[in-house]
Amino acid sequence: MSIILSIETSTPICSVAIHNDAKLMANADLYLEKSHSNSLTPLIEQLLSHCDLKMKDLEAIAVSSGPGSYTGLRIGLSTAKGLCYALEIPLISISSLDSMTVQVLNFQKEEASVYIPMLDARRMEVFYKVSAPDHSEIKEISNLIIEADAFQDYLDNYERIYLFGNGAEKTKDLLKPVSKKFIWIDHVNPSAQFFGKMAFDKFKMSQFEDLAYFEPNYGKEFYSPKSKKKSFLDLNR
């Protein structure tokens, strides 16, 4: 029996799940803005209690590796690392985009199609990845500014292109006129409940992250606006 706690905080949704050998035991998704810091630990405690488990029963913790919200990912990772240190158990990383693709493939799996999860990166930019129906990687996680010809290569080679996630919505007006091959799937968000098999596979193969050095993939560098105030050195140049 391998009990794995999963934590997903890459979007405004705070998501926690517990799996036993990849089988979902319980999950909770909280749809509240800026709730991660206050809600994550209570959600974990409630879920463990619901499953009649103690912290010491956990064999590993899986956490979202991004891309996504800088603050959300930091909160999720710091919580996961703290638990791993305290319990002396390994840390497993799972891509937010992969969890979305697994979710869609559970009910919409077609040959000659590609699956493109998207997370909003503001304006017309998204974080995205391209996967085949067997969940193998076609295009690694990248940033993309959406333009009418953004997915032309896939239009030429596949029958259907499935787009989903909170970044896909803003592509509709631009891509709908381009081709009927584009199909949008609504209400798909990263969720810890879909970490199960991926986390268990990594657990069996001992594919663990370094607790001291592991950092999420934020998708892009964290940006802090430069102060417009002149420094002492500027005033003396």
C-alpha atoms as a PDB file:
ATOM      1  CA  MET A   1       0.000   0.000   0.000  1.00  0.00           C
ATOM      2  CA  SER A   2       1.456   3.354  -1.107  1.00  0.00           C
ATOM      3  CA  ILE A   3      -0.426   6.358   0.236  1.00  0.00           C
ATOM      4  CA  ILE A   4       0.464   9.525  -1.690  1.00  0.00           C
ATOM      5  CA  LEU A   5      -0.804  13.014  -0.884  1.00  0.00           C
ATOM      6  CA  SER A   6      -1.115  15.300  -3.912  1.00  0.00           C
ATOM      7  CA  ILE A   7      -1.143  19.101  -3.846  1.00  0.00           C
ATOM      8  CA  GLU A   8      -2.070  21.340  -6.796  1.00  0.00           C
ATOM      9  CA  THR A   9      -1.936  25.139  -6.370  1.00  0.00           C
ATOM     10  CA  SER A  10      -0.857  26.464  -9.774  1.00  0.00           C
ATOM     11  CA  THR A  11      -4.162  28.327 -10.351  1.00  0.00           C
ATOM     12  CA  PRO A  12      -6.678  30.060  -8.042  1.00  0.00           C
ATOM     13  CA  ILE A  13      -8.087  26.580  -7.300  1.00  0.00           C
ATOM     14  CA  CYS A  14      -6.596  24.963  -4.195  1.00  0.00           C
ATOM     15  CA  SER A  15      -6.677  21.216  -4.829  1.00  0.00           C
ATOM     16  CA  VAL A  16      -5.686  18.271  -2.621  1.00  0.00           C
ATOM     17  CA  ALA A  17      -6.074  14.498  -3.108  1.00  0.00           C
ATOM     18  CA  ILE A  18      -5.035  11.223  -1.529  1.00  0.00           C
ATOM     19  CA  HIS A  19      -4.311   8.122  -3.615  1.00  0.00           C
ATOM     20  CA  ASN A  20      -3.585   4.550  -2.614  1.00  0.00           C
ATOM     21  CA  ASP A  21      -1.519   2.804  -5.306  1.00  0.00           C
ATOM     22  CA  ALA A  22      -2.881   5.315  -7.873  1.00  0.00           C
ATOM     23  CA  LYS A  23      -6.494   4.717  -6.793  1.00  0.00           C
ATOM     24  CA  LEU A  24      -8.267   7.871  -5.654  1.00  0.00           C
ATOM     25  CA  MET A  25      -9.362   7.732  -2.020  1.00  0.00           C
ATOM     26  CA  ALA A  26     -10.555  11.328  -1.583  1.00  0.00           C
ATOM     27  CA  ASN A  27     -10.087  14.791  -3.061  1.00  0.00           C
ATOM     28  CA  ALA A  28     -11.119  18.378  -2.414  1.00  0.00           C
ATOM     29  CA  ASP A  29     -10.983  21.385  -4.767  1.00  0.00           C
ATOM     30  CA  LEU A  30     -11.563  24.832  -3.284  1.00  0.00           C
ATOM     31  CA  TYR A  31     -12.611  27.487  -5.805  1.00  0.00           C
ATOM     32  CA  LEU A  32     -11.710  30.629  -3.847  1.00  0.00           C
ATOM     33  CA  GLU A  33      -9.353  33.400  -4.942  1.00  0.00           C
ATOM     34  CA  LYS A  34      -6.201  33.802  -2.819  1.00  0.00           C
ATOM     35  CA  SER A  35      -7.197  30.988  -0.484  1.00  0.00           C
ATOM     36  CA  HIS A  36      -4.092  28.798  -0.731  1.00  0.00           C
ATOM     37  CA  SER A  37      -2.167  30.103   2.258  1.00  0.00           C
ATOM     38  CA  ASN A  38      -5.141  29.831   4.627  1.00  0.00           C
ATOM     39  CA  SER A  39      -6.884  26.765   3.227  1.00  0.00           C
ATOM     40  CA  LEU A  40      -4.222  24.290   2.126  1.00  0.00           C
ATOM     41  CA  THR A  41      -3.228  22.856   5.516  1.00  0.00           C
ATOM     42  CA  PRO A  42      -6.841  22.540   6.800  1.00  0.00           C
ATOM     43  CA  LEU A  43      -7.820  20.788   3.539  1.00  0.00           C
ATOM     44  CA  ILE A  44      -5.015  18.277   3.981  1.00  0.00           C
ATOM     45  CA  GLU A  45      -5.992  17.608   7.585  1.00  0.00           C
ATOM     46  CA  GLN A  46      -9.672  17.179   6.681  1.00  0.00           C
ATOM     47  CA  LEU A  47      -8.866  14.801   3.841  1.00  0.00           C
ATOM     48  CA  LEU A  48      -6.624  12.637   6.021  1.00  0.00           C
ATOM     49  CA  SER A  49      -9.319  12.493   8.693  1.00  0.00           C
ATOM     50  CA  HIS A  50     -11.945  11.572   6.091  1.00  0.00           C
ATOM     51  CA  CYS A  51      -9.749   8.658   4.953  1.00  0.00           C
ATOM     52  CA  ASP A  52      -9.009   7.640   8.562  1.00  0.00           C
ATOM     53  CA  LEU A  53      -5.305   8.283   7.992  1.00  0.00           C
ATOM     54  CA  LYS A  54      -2.531   9.975   9.948  1.00  0.00           C
ATOM     55  CA  MET A  55       0.356  12.037   8.592  1.00  0.00           C
ATOM     56  CA  LYS A  56       2.708   9.152   9.385  1.00  0.00           C
ATOM     57  CA  ASP A  57       0.748   6.942   6.947  1.00  0.00           C
ATOM     58  CA  LEU A  58       1.903   9.001   3.960  1.00  0.00           C
ATOM     59  CA  GLU A  59       4.563   7.391   1.757  1.00  0.00           C
ATOM     60  CA  ALA A  60       5.231  10.402  -0.497  1.00  0.00           C
ATOM     61  CA  ILE A  61       3.908  13.809  -1.473  1.00  0.00           C
ATOM     62  CA  ALA A  62       3.252  14.872  -5.057  1.00  0.00           C
ATOM     63  CA  VAL A  63       3.154  18.580  -5.815  1.00  0.00           C
ATOM     64  CA  SER A  64       2.464  20.656  -8.887  1.00  0.00           C
ATOM     65  CA  SER A  65       5.666  21.626 -10.680  1.00  0.00           C
ATOM     66  CA  GLY A  66       3.926  24.321 -12.749  1.00  0.00           C
ATOM     67  CA  PRO A  67       3.660  26.258 -14.864  1.00  0.00           C
ATOM     68  CA  GLY A  68       1.250  28.659 -13.229  1.00  0.00           C
ATOM     69  CA  SER A  69       0.843  31.240 -10.501  1.00  0.00           C
ATOM     70  CA  TYR A  70       4.142  32.189  -8.856  1.00  0.00           C
ATOM     71  CA  THR A  71       2.541  32.690  -5.453  1.00  0.00           C
ATOM     72  CA  GLY A  72       0.336  29.603  -5.671  1.00  0.00           C
ATOM     73  CA  LEU A  73       3.199  27.334  -6.695  1.00  0.00           C
ATOM     74  CA  ARG A  74       5.427  28.693  -3.918  1.00  0.00           C
ATOM     75  CA  ILE A  75       2.755  28.014  -1.287  1.00  0.00           C
ATOM     76  CA  GLY A  76       2.120  24.480  -2.554  1.00  0.00           C
ATOM     77  CA  LEU A  77       5.814  23.612  -2.759  1.00  0.00           C
ATOM     78  CA  SER A  78       6.738  25.060   0.620  1.00  0.00           C
ATOM     79  CA  THR A  79       3.920  23.083   2.255  1.00  0.00           C
ATOM     80  CA  ALA A  80       4.944  19.890   0.439  1.00  0.00           C
ATOM     81  CA  LYS A  81       8.631  20.326   1.304  1.00  0.00           C
ATOM     82  CA  GLY A  82       7.829  21.010   4.941  1.00  0.00           C
ATOM     83  CA  LEU A  83       5.794  17.824   5.213  1.00  0.00           C
ATOM     84  CA  CYS A  84       8.443  15.781   3.400  1.00  0.00           C
ATOM     85  CA  TYR A  85      11.178  17.039   5.722  1.00  0.00           C
ATOM     86  CA  ALA A  86       9.113  16.394   8.833  1.00  0.00           C
ATOM     87  CA  LEU A  87       7.915  12.940   7.760  1.00  0.00           C
ATOM     88  CA  GLU A  88      11.166  11.949   5.998  1.00  0.00           C
ATOM     89  CA  ILE A  89       9.338  10.950   2.827  1.00  0.00           C
ATOM     90  CA  PRO A  90      10.114  11.738  -0.829  1.00  0.00           C
ATOM     91  CA  LEU A  91       8.824  14.596  -2.969  1.00  0.00           C
ATOM     92  CA  ILE A  92       7.351  13.940  -6.435  1.00  0.00           C
ATOM     93  CA  SER A  93       6.677  16.652  -9.017  1.00  0.00           C
ATOM     94  CA  ILE A  94       3.758  16.595 -11.475  1.00  0.00           C
ATOM     95  CA  SER A  95       3.128  19.075 -14.296  1.00  0.00           C
ATOM     96  CA  SER A  96      -0.070  21.115 -14.014  1.00  0.00           C
ATOM     97  CA  LEU A  97      -0.555  20.726 -17.762  1.00  0.00           C
ATOM     98  CA  ASP A  98      -0.166  16.944 -17.591  1.00  0.00           C
ATOM     99  CA  SER A  99      -2.891  16.708 -14.954  1.00  0.00           C
ATOM    100  CA  MET A 100      -5.237  18.555 -17.315  1.00  0.00           C
ATOM    101  CA  THR A 101      -4.419  16.256 -20.222  1.00  0.00           C
ATOM    102  CA  VAL A 102      -5.009  13.137 -18.110  1.00  0.00           C
ATOM    103  CA  GLN A 103      -8.371  14.565 -17.111  1.00  0.00           C
ATOM    104  CA  VAL A 104      -9.437  15.041 -20.739  1.00  0.00           C
ATOM    105  CA  LEU A 105      -8.086  11.689 -21.930  1.00  0.00           C
ATOM    106  CA  ASN A 106     -10.325   9.966 -19.383  1.00  0.00           C
ATOM    107  CA  PHE A 107     -13.356  10.830 -21.497  1.00  0.00           C
ATOM    108  CA  GLN A 108     -12.104  12.123 -24.871  1.00  0.00           C
ATOM    109  CA  LYS A 109      -9.433   9.921 -26.403  1.00  0.00           C
ATOM    110  CA  GLU A 110      -9.143   9.804 -30.183  1.00  0.00           C
ATOM    111  CA  GLU A 111      -6.437   8.694 -32.548  1.00  0.00           C
ATOM    112  CA  ALA A 112      -5.032  11.212 -35.047  1.00  0.00           C
ATOM    113  CA  SER A 113      -5.685  13.985 -32.513  1.00  0.00           C
ATOM    114  CA  VAL A 114      -3.513  16.188 -30.316  1.00  0.00           C
ATOM    115  CA  TYR A 115      -4.295  17.514 -26.862  1.00  0.00           C
ATOM    116  CA  ILE A 116      -3.200  21.005 -25.873  1.00  0.00           C
ATOM    117  CA  PRO A 117      -3.747  22.190 -22.287  1.00  0.00           C
ATOM    118  CA  MET A 118      -3.325  25.937 -21.793  1.00  0.00           C
ATOM    119  CA  LEU A 119      -2.890  28.082 -18.720  1.00  0.00           C
ATOM    120  CA  ASP A 120      -3.392  31.828 -18.927  1.00  0.00           C
ATOM    121  CA  ALA A 121      -0.155  33.830 -18.908  1.00  0.00           C
ATOM    122  CA  ARG A 122      -1.919  37.203 -19.370  1.00  0.00           C
ATOM    123  CA  ARG A 123      -2.787  39.157 -22.500  1.00  0.00           C
ATOM    124  CA  MET A 124      -2.633  36.754 -25.457  1.00  0.00           C
ATOM    125  CA  GLU A 125       0.111  34.594 -23.988  1.00  0.00           C
ATOM    126  CA  VAL A 126      -0.376  31.075 -22.617  1.00  0.00           C
ATOM    127  CA  PHE A 127       1.665  28.262 -21.097  1.00  0.00           C
ATOM    128  CA  TYR A 128       0.991  25.120 -23.112  1.00  0.00           C
ATOM    129  CA  LYS A 129       2.078  21.608 -23.978  1.00  0.00           C
ATOM    130  CA  VAL A 130       1.125  19.224 -26.780  1.00  0.00           C
ATOM    131  CA  SER A 131       0.445  15.525 -26.138  1.00  0.00           C
ATOM    132  CA  ALA A 132      -0.642  12.523 -28.192  1.00  0.00           C
ATOM    133  CA  PRO A 133      -3.643  10.310 -27.286  1.00  0.00           C
ATOM    134  CA  ASP A 134      -1.314   7.966 -25.371  1.00  0.00           C
ATOM    135  CA  HIS A 135      -0.148  10.984 -23.333  1.00  0.00           C
ATOM    136  CA  SER A 136       3.309  10.916 -24.897  1.00  0.00           C
ATOM    137  CA  GLU A 137       4.901  14.318 -25.348  1.00  0.00           C
ATOM    138  CA  ILE A 138       4.822  15.977 -28.762  1.00  0.00           C
ATOM    139  CA  LYS A 139       5.798  19.474 -27.654  1.00  0.00           C
ATOM    140  CA  GLU A 140       7.355  20.241 -24.278  1.00  0.00           C
ATOM    141  CA  ILE A 141       6.018  22.916 -21.912  1.00  0.00           C
ATOM    142  CA  SER A 142       6.472  26.330 -23.528  1.00  0.00           C
ATOM    143  CA  ASN A 143       5.186  29.878 -23.670  1.00  0.00           C
ATOM    144  CA  LEU A 144       3.159  30.974 -26.673  1.00  0.00           C
ATOM    145  CA  ILE A 145       1.625  34.230 -27.880  1.00  0.00           C
ATOM    146  CA  ILE A 146      -1.559  33.161 -29.646  1.00  0.00           C
ATOM    147  CA  GLU A 147      -1.770  34.089 -33.333  1.00  0.00           C
ATOM    148  CA  ALA A 148      -3.966  32.766 -36.132  1.00  0.00           C
ATOM    149  CA  ASP A 149      -1.216  30.464 -37.445  1.00  0.00           C
ATOM    150  CA  ALA A 150       0.019  29.346 -34.003  1.00  0.00           C
ATOM    151  CA  PHE A 151      -0.909  25.686 -34.524  1.00  0.00           C
ATOM    152  CA  GLN A 152      -0.566  25.382 -38.286  1.00  0.00           C
ATOM    153  CA  ASP A 153       1.773  22.382 -38.084  1.00  0.00           C
ATOM    154  CA  TYR A 154      -0.846  20.425 -36.124  1.00  0.00           C
ATOM    155  CA  LEU A 155      -3.628  21.458 -38.506  1.00  0.00           C
ATOM    156  CA  ASP A 156      -1.625  19.964 -41.364  1.00  0.00           C
ATOM    157  CA  ASN A 157      -0.966  16.664 -39.604  1.00  0.00           C
ATOM    158  CA  TYR A 158      -3.910  15.861 -37.312  1.00  0.00           C
ATOM    159  CA  GLU A 159      -7.662  15.484 -37.643  1.00  0.00           C
ATOM    160  CA  ARG A 160      -8.594  17.219 -34.398  1.00  0.00           C
ATOM    161  CA  ILE A 161      -6.887  19.628 -32.041  1.00  0.00           C
ATOM    162  CA  TYR A 162      -8.340  19.707 -28.539  1.00  0.00           C
ATOM    163  CA  LEU A 163      -7.789  22.921 -26.592  1.00  0.00           C
ATOM    164  CA  PHE A 164      -8.618  23.258 -22.894  1.00  0.00           C
ATOM    165  CA  GLY A 165      -7.715  25.113 -19.713  1.00  0.00           C
ATOM    166  CA  ASN A 166      -8.215  28.709 -18.594  1.00  0.00           C
ATOM    167  CA  GLY A 167      -5.889  29.915 -21.346  1.00  0.00           C
ATOM    168  CA  ALA A 168      -7.847  28.233 -24.145  1.00  0.00           C
ATOM    169  CA  GLU A 169     -10.942  30.406 -23.797  1.00  0.00           C
ATOM    170  CA  LYS A 170      -9.220  33.501 -25.126  1.00  0.00           C
ATOM    171  CA  THR A 171      -8.127  31.656 -28.291  1.00  0.00           C
ATOM    172  CA  LYS A 172     -11.670  31.020 -29.548  1.00  0.00           C
ATOM    173  CA  ASP A 173     -12.295  34.291 -31.407  1.00  0.00           C
ATOM    174  CA  LEU A 174      -8.942  34.065 -33.158  1.00  0.00           C
ATOM    175  CA  LEU A 175      -8.833  30.345 -34.001  1.00  0.00           C
ATOM    176  CA  LYS A 176     -12.480  29.447 -34.706  1.00  0.00           C
ATOM    177  CA  PRO A 177     -12.433  31.051 -38.170  1.00  0.00           C
ATOM    178  CA  VAL A 178      -9.170  29.277 -39.018  1.00  0.00           C
ATOM    179  CA  SER A 179     -10.371  25.650 -38.940  1.00  0.00           C
ATOM    180  CA  LYS A 180     -13.129  23.355 -37.736  1.00  0.00           C
ATOM    181  CA  LYS A 181     -10.419  20.991 -36.510  1.00  0.00           C
ATOM    182  CA  PHE A 182     -10.136  23.049 -33.328  1.00  0.00           C
ATOM    183  CA  ILE A 183     -12.335  21.723 -30.519  1.00  0.00           C
ATOM    184  CA  TRP A 184     -12.605  23.475 -27.160  1.00  0.00           C
ATOM    185  CA  ILE A 185     -13.353  21.590 -23.951  1.00  0.00           C
ATOM    186  CA  ASP A 186     -14.643  23.803 -21.153  1.00  0.00           C
ATOM    187  CA  HIS A 187     -14.188  23.613 -17.375  1.00  0.00           C
ATOM    188  CA  VAL A 188     -10.843  21.781 -17.364  1.00  0.00           C
ATOM    189  CA  ASN A 189      -8.522  22.894 -14.570  1.00  0.00           C
ATOM    190  CA  PRO A 190      -5.416  21.401 -12.970  1.00  0.00           C
ATOM    191  CA  SER A 191      -6.550  19.115 -10.151  1.00  0.00           C
ATOM    192  CA  ALA A 192      -4.709  16.912  -7.667  1.00  0.00           C
ATOM    193  CA  GLN A 193      -7.209  14.102  -8.194  1.00  0.00           C
ATOM    194  CA  PHE A 194      -5.599  13.389 -11.578  1.00  0.00           C
ATOM    195  CA  PHE A 195      -2.055  13.068 -10.180  1.00  0.00           C
ATOM    196  CA  GLY A 196      -2.633   9.443  -9.108  1.00  0.00           C
ATOM    197  CA  LYS A 197      -1.101   7.238 -11.806  1.00  0.00           C
ATOM    198  CA  MET A 198       1.657   9.692 -12.719  1.00  0.00           C
ATOM    199  CA  ALA A 199       2.709  10.063  -9.082  1.00  0.00           C
ATOM    200  CA  PHE A 200       2.542   6.324  -8.401  1.00  0.00           C
ATOM    201  CA  ASP A 201       4.637   5.539 -11.504  1.00  0.00           C
ATOM    202  CA  LYS A 202       7.310   7.985 -10.350  1.00  0.00           C
ATOM    203  CA  PHE A 203       7.131   6.552  -6.830  1.00  0.00           C
ATOM    204  CA  LYS A 204       7.765   3.012  -8.091  1.00  0.00           C
ATOM    205  CA  MET A 205      10.731   4.204 -10.144  1.00  0.00           C
ATOM    206  CA  SER A 206      12.084   6.382  -7.295  1.00  0.00           C
ATOM    207  CA  GLN A 207      11.911   9.511  -9.452  1.00  0.00           C
ATOM    208  CA  PHE A 208      12.075  11.953  -6.560  1.00  0.00           C
ATOM    209  CA  GLU A 209      12.985  15.632  -6.356  1.00  0.00           C
ATOM    210  CA  ASP A 210      15.773  17.105  -4.247  1.00  0.00           C
ATOM    211  CA  LEU A 211      14.102  18.731  -1.248  1.00  0.00           C
ATOM    212  CA  ALA A 212      16.806  21.371  -0.962  1.00  0.00           C
ATOM    213  CA  TYR A 213      17.041  22.485  -4.571  1.00  0.00           C
ATOM    214  CA  PHE A 214      13.823  21.669  -6.403  1.00  0.00           C
ATOM    215  CA  GLU A 215      11.930  24.685  -7.760  1.00  0.00           C
ATOM    216  CA  PRO A 216       8.728  24.788  -9.836  1.00  0.00           C
ATOM    217  CA  ASN A 217       8.610  25.730 -13.507  1.00  0.00           C
ATOM    218  CA  TYR A 218       6.930  29.123 -13.275  1.00  0.00           C
ATOM    219  CA  GLY A 219       6.662  29.358 -17.054  1.00  0.00           C
ATOM    220  CA  LYS A 220       8.540  32.647 -17.094  1.00  0.00           C
ATOM    221  CA  GLU A 221      10.771  34.629 -14.786  1.00  0.00           C
ATOM    222  CA  PHE A 222       9.044  36.328 -11.870  1.00  0.00           C
ATOM    223  CA  TYR A 223       8.785  40.005 -12.751  1.00  0.00           C
ATOM    224  CA  SER A 224       9.232  42.782 -10.202  1.00  0.00           C
ATOM    225  CA  PRO A 225       8.838  46.304 -11.658  1.00  0.00           C
ATOM    226  CA  LYS A 226      11.947  48.434 -11.335  1.00  0.00           C
ATOM    227  CA  SER A 227      11.495  51.410  -9.059  1.00  0.00           C
ATOM    228  CA  LYS A 228      11.245  54.759 -10.869  1.00  0.00           C
ATOM    229  CA  LYS A 229      12.853  56.514  -7.921  1.00  0.00           C
ATOM    230  CA  LYS A 230      16.429  57.586  -8.541  1.00  0.00           C
ATOM    231  CA  SER A 231      19.016  55.932  -6.348  1.00  0.00           C
ATOM    232  CA  PHE A 232      21.907  57.707  -4.645  1.00  0.00           C
ATOM    233  CA  LEU A 233      24.244  56.416  -7.383  1.00  0.00           C
ATOM    234  CA  ASP A 234      21.958  57.730 -10.148  1.00  0.00           C
ATOM    235  CA  LEU A 235      21.837  61.177  -8.583  1.00  0.00           C
ATOM    236  CA  ASN A 236      25.597  61.333  -8.486  1.00  0.00           C
ATOM    237  CA  ARG A 237      26.296  60.266 -12.057  1.00  0.00           C
END
